[in-house]
Amino acid sequence: MCAKRYCMPDPAMALTDEVIMRHIAAGSRVIDLGCGSGHLLQALRDRHDCSVQGVELDRDAFVETMKRGVPVI
């Protein structure tokens, strides 16, 4: 039987995302190399009306990004 994984949000990551978002103008085009789960791209798309594209090698992270509706290759 596999244990269910649970991950607490990392507060440092949220602060880092906010700092990054302050430096990206609304409506920008953004490509994120190694986008992980796509959470930053999702926020940029939804809150700053950015056109986003993720690039991710990890299969699980790729799937998570797709679930967020973020385009990823």
N, C-alpha and C. Protein backbone atom coordinates (compact mmCIF):
# COMPACT_ATOMS: atom_id res chain seq x y z
N MET A 1 0.83 -1.17 0.00
CA MET A 1 0.00 0.00 0.00
C MET A 1 0.89 1.25 0.00
N CYS A 2 0.59 2.18 -0.87
CA CYS A 2 1.37 3.42 -0.96
C CYS A 2 0.83 4.45 0.02
N ALA A 3 1.73 5.14 0.65
CA ALA A 3 1.33 6.22 1.54
C ALA A 3 0.89 7.41 0.71
N LYS A 4 -0.10 8.09 1.19
CA LYS A 4 -0.58 9.28 0.50
C LYS A 4 0.38 10.42 0.81
N ARG A 5 0.83 11.13 -0.25
CA ARG A 5 1.76 12.23 -0.05
C ARG A 5 0.99 13.51 0.21
N TYR A 6 1.51 14.29 1.12
CA TYR A 6 0.92 15.58 1.43
C TYR A 6 2.06 16.59 1.49
N CYS A 7 1.87 17.70 0.86
CA CYS A 7 2.92 18.71 0.80
C CYS A 7 2.37 20.04 1.28
N MET A 8 2.99 20.60 2.28
CA MET A 8 2.61 21.93 2.76
C MET A 8 3.17 22.97 1.79
N PRO A 9 2.42 24.01 1.49
CA PRO A 9 2.95 25.07 0.65
C PRO A 9 4.17 25.71 1.29
N ASP A 10 5.16 26.01 0.50
CA ASP A 10 6.39 26.62 0.99
C ASP A 10 6.21 28.14 1.00
N PRO A 11 6.21 28.77 2.17
CA PRO A 11 6.00 30.22 2.21
C PRO A 11 7.08 30.99 1.48
N ALA A 12 8.31 30.47 1.46
CA ALA A 12 9.39 31.15 0.74
C ALA A 12 9.10 31.18 -0.76
N MET A 13 8.50 30.09 -1.28
CA MET A 13 8.16 30.04 -2.71
C MET A 13 7.12 31.10 -3.04
N ALA A 14 6.14 31.26 -2.18
CA ALA A 14 5.10 32.26 -2.42
C ALA A 14 5.70 33.66 -2.43
N LEU A 15 6.62 33.93 -1.51
CA LEU A 15 7.28 35.24 -1.48
C LEU A 15 8.11 35.46 -2.73
N THR A 16 8.83 34.42 -3.17
CA THR A 16 9.64 34.50 -4.38
C THR A 16 8.75 34.78 -5.58
N ASP A 17 7.63 34.08 -5.68
CA ASP A 17 6.70 34.30 -6.79
C ASP A 17 6.20 35.74 -6.82
N GLU A 18 5.89 36.29 -5.65
CA GLU A 18 5.40 37.68 -5.59
C GLU A 18 6.48 38.65 -6.07
N VAL A 19 7.73 38.40 -5.69
CA VAL A 19 8.83 39.27 -6.13
C VAL A 19 8.98 39.17 -7.65
N ILE A 20 8.93 37.97 -8.19
CA ILE A 20 9.05 37.78 -9.63
C ILE A 20 7.90 38.49 -10.34
N MET A 21 6.70 38.33 -9.83
CA MET A 21 5.53 38.91 -10.49
C MET A 21 5.58 40.44 -10.51
N ARG A 22 6.22 41.05 -9.53
CA ARG A 22 6.36 42.51 -9.51
C ARG A 22 7.22 43.01 -10.67
N HIS A 23 8.09 42.15 -11.19
CA HIS A 23 9.02 42.55 -12.24
C HIS A 23 8.53 42.21 -13.64
N ILE A 24 7.37 41.60 -13.75
CA ILE A 24 6.84 41.22 -15.06
C ILE A 24 5.59 42.07 -15.33
N ALA A 25 5.67 42.84 -16.41
CA ALA A 25 4.57 43.74 -16.75
C ALA A 25 3.34 42.96 -17.20
N ALA A 26 2.19 43.50 -16.89
CA ALA A 26 0.92 42.89 -17.32
C ALA A 26 0.93 42.78 -18.84
N GLY A 27 0.41 41.67 -19.34
CA GLY A 27 0.33 41.44 -20.77
C GLY A 27 1.61 40.94 -21.41
N SER A 28 2.63 40.66 -20.61
CA SER A 28 3.91 40.17 -21.14
C SER A 28 3.78 38.75 -21.67
N ARG A 29 4.74 38.37 -22.50
CA ARG A 29 4.88 36.97 -22.92
C ARG A 29 5.97 36.36 -22.06
N VAL A 30 5.68 35.22 -21.43
CA VAL A 30 6.60 34.62 -20.46
C VAL A 30 6.82 33.16 -20.81
N ILE A 31 8.09 32.75 -20.87
CA ILE A 31 8.43 31.33 -20.99
C ILE A 31 9.21 30.97 -19.73
N ASP A 32 8.81 29.88 -19.11
CA ASP A 32 9.44 29.42 -17.86
C ASP A 32 10.10 28.08 -18.13
N LEU A 33 11.43 28.07 -18.14
CA LEU A 33 12.19 26.84 -18.34
C LEU A 33 12.32 26.13 -17.01
N GLY A 34 11.81 24.91 -16.94
CA GLY A 34 11.80 24.19 -15.66
C GLY A 34 10.68 24.73 -14.79
N CYS A 35 9.47 24.79 -15.36
CA CYS A 35 8.34 25.45 -14.71
C CYS A 35 7.73 24.68 -13.54
N GLY A 36 8.21 23.46 -13.30
CA GLY A 36 7.66 22.69 -12.18
C GLY A 36 6.19 22.43 -12.38
N SER A 37 5.39 22.73 -11.38
CA SER A 37 3.94 22.47 -11.45
C SER A 37 3.19 23.54 -12.23
N GLY A 38 3.86 24.60 -12.64
CA GLY A 38 3.22 25.65 -13.41
C GLY A 38 2.48 26.68 -12.58
N HIS A 39 2.68 26.65 -11.25
CA HIS A 39 1.92 27.57 -10.39
C HIS A 39 2.23 29.03 -10.68
N LEU A 40 3.49 29.36 -10.95
CA LEU A 40 3.84 30.75 -11.25
C LEU A 40 3.24 31.19 -12.58
N LEU A 41 3.33 30.33 -13.59
CA LEU A 41 2.75 30.67 -14.89
C LEU A 41 1.24 30.84 -14.79
N GLN A 42 0.60 30.01 -14.01
CA GLN A 42 -0.84 30.13 -13.82
C GLN A 42 -1.18 31.49 -13.20
N ALA A 43 -0.43 31.89 -12.19
CA ALA A 43 -0.68 33.17 -11.54
C ALA A 43 -0.43 34.33 -12.50
N LEU A 44 0.64 34.25 -13.28
CA LEU A 44 0.93 35.30 -14.25
C LEU A 44 -0.18 35.40 -15.30
N ARG A 45 -0.67 34.27 -15.75
CA ARG A 45 -1.74 34.25 -16.74
C ARG A 45 -3.03 34.82 -16.15
N ASP A 46 -3.39 34.37 -14.95
CA ASP A 46 -4.67 34.74 -14.36
C ASP A 46 -4.68 36.14 -13.76
N ARG A 47 -3.57 36.56 -13.15
CA ARG A 47 -3.56 37.83 -12.43
C ARG A 47 -2.94 38.98 -13.23
N HIS A 48 -2.06 38.65 -14.20
CA HIS A 48 -1.38 39.70 -14.97
C HIS A 48 -1.70 39.64 -16.46
N ASP A 49 -2.62 38.77 -16.82
CA ASP A 49 -3.02 38.64 -18.23
C ASP A 49 -1.83 38.40 -19.15
N CYS A 50 -0.87 37.59 -18.69
CA CYS A 50 0.32 37.28 -19.48
C CYS A 50 0.03 36.08 -20.39
N SER A 51 0.73 36.06 -21.50
CA SER A 51 0.73 34.89 -22.38
C SER A 51 1.89 34.01 -21.91
N VAL A 52 1.60 32.77 -21.51
CA VAL A 52 2.62 31.96 -20.85
C VAL A 52 2.88 30.65 -21.60
N GLN A 53 4.09 30.13 -21.42
CA GLN A 53 4.50 28.84 -21.95
C GLN A 53 5.48 28.22 -20.98
N GLY A 54 5.21 26.99 -20.57
CA GLY A 54 6.12 26.28 -19.69
C GLY A 54 6.91 25.23 -20.45
N VAL A 55 8.10 24.93 -19.94
CA VAL A 55 8.93 23.84 -20.45
C VAL A 55 9.33 23.02 -19.23
N GLU A 56 9.04 21.73 -19.25
CA GLU A 56 9.31 20.88 -18.09
C GLU A 56 9.70 19.48 -18.54
N LEU A 57 10.77 18.93 -17.95
CA LEU A 57 11.23 17.59 -18.27
C LEU A 57 10.63 16.52 -17.37
N ASP A 58 10.34 16.89 -16.12
CA ASP A 58 9.81 15.91 -15.17
C ASP A 58 8.36 15.57 -15.53
N ARG A 59 8.10 14.29 -15.71
CA ARG A 59 6.77 13.84 -16.16
C ARG A 59 5.66 14.23 -15.19
N ASP A 60 5.87 14.03 -13.90
CA ASP A 60 4.83 14.36 -12.92
C ASP A 60 4.54 15.86 -12.89
N ALA A 61 5.59 16.67 -12.94
CA ALA A 61 5.41 18.12 -12.96
C ALA A 61 4.72 18.55 -14.25
N PHE A 62 5.06 17.92 -15.35
CA PHE A 62 4.43 18.20 -16.64
C PHE A 62 2.92 18.00 -16.54
N VAL A 63 2.52 16.88 -15.94
CA VAL A 63 1.10 16.56 -15.79
C VAL A 63 0.42 17.60 -14.89
N GLU A 64 1.08 17.99 -13.80
CA GLU A 64 0.51 19.00 -12.90
C GLU A 64 0.31 20.32 -13.63
N THR A 65 1.26 20.69 -14.46
CA THR A 65 1.15 21.93 -15.22
C THR A 65 -0.03 21.85 -16.18
N MET A 66 -0.18 20.72 -16.83
CA MET A 66 -1.32 20.54 -17.75
C MET A 66 -2.64 20.64 -17.01
N LYS A 67 -2.71 20.08 -15.80
CA LYS A 67 -3.94 20.12 -15.01
C LYS A 67 -4.33 21.56 -14.67
N ARG A 68 -3.34 22.45 -14.60
CA ARG A 68 -3.61 23.86 -14.31
C ARG A 68 -4.07 24.61 -15.57
N GLY A 69 -4.04 23.92 -16.70
CA GLY A 69 -4.44 24.56 -17.95
C GLY A 69 -3.36 25.45 -18.53
N VAL A 70 -2.12 25.24 -18.09
CA VAL A 70 -1.00 26.03 -18.58
C VAL A 70 -0.34 25.28 -19.72
N PRO A 71 -0.10 25.94 -20.87
CA PRO A 71 0.57 25.25 -21.96
C PRO A 71 2.01 24.88 -21.59
N VAL A 72 2.36 23.63 -21.85
CA VAL A 72 3.69 23.15 -21.46
C VAL A 72 4.19 22.14 -22.49
N ILE A 73 5.48 22.20 -22.74
CA ILE A 73 6.13 21.21 -23.61
C ILE A 73 7.26 20.56 -22.87
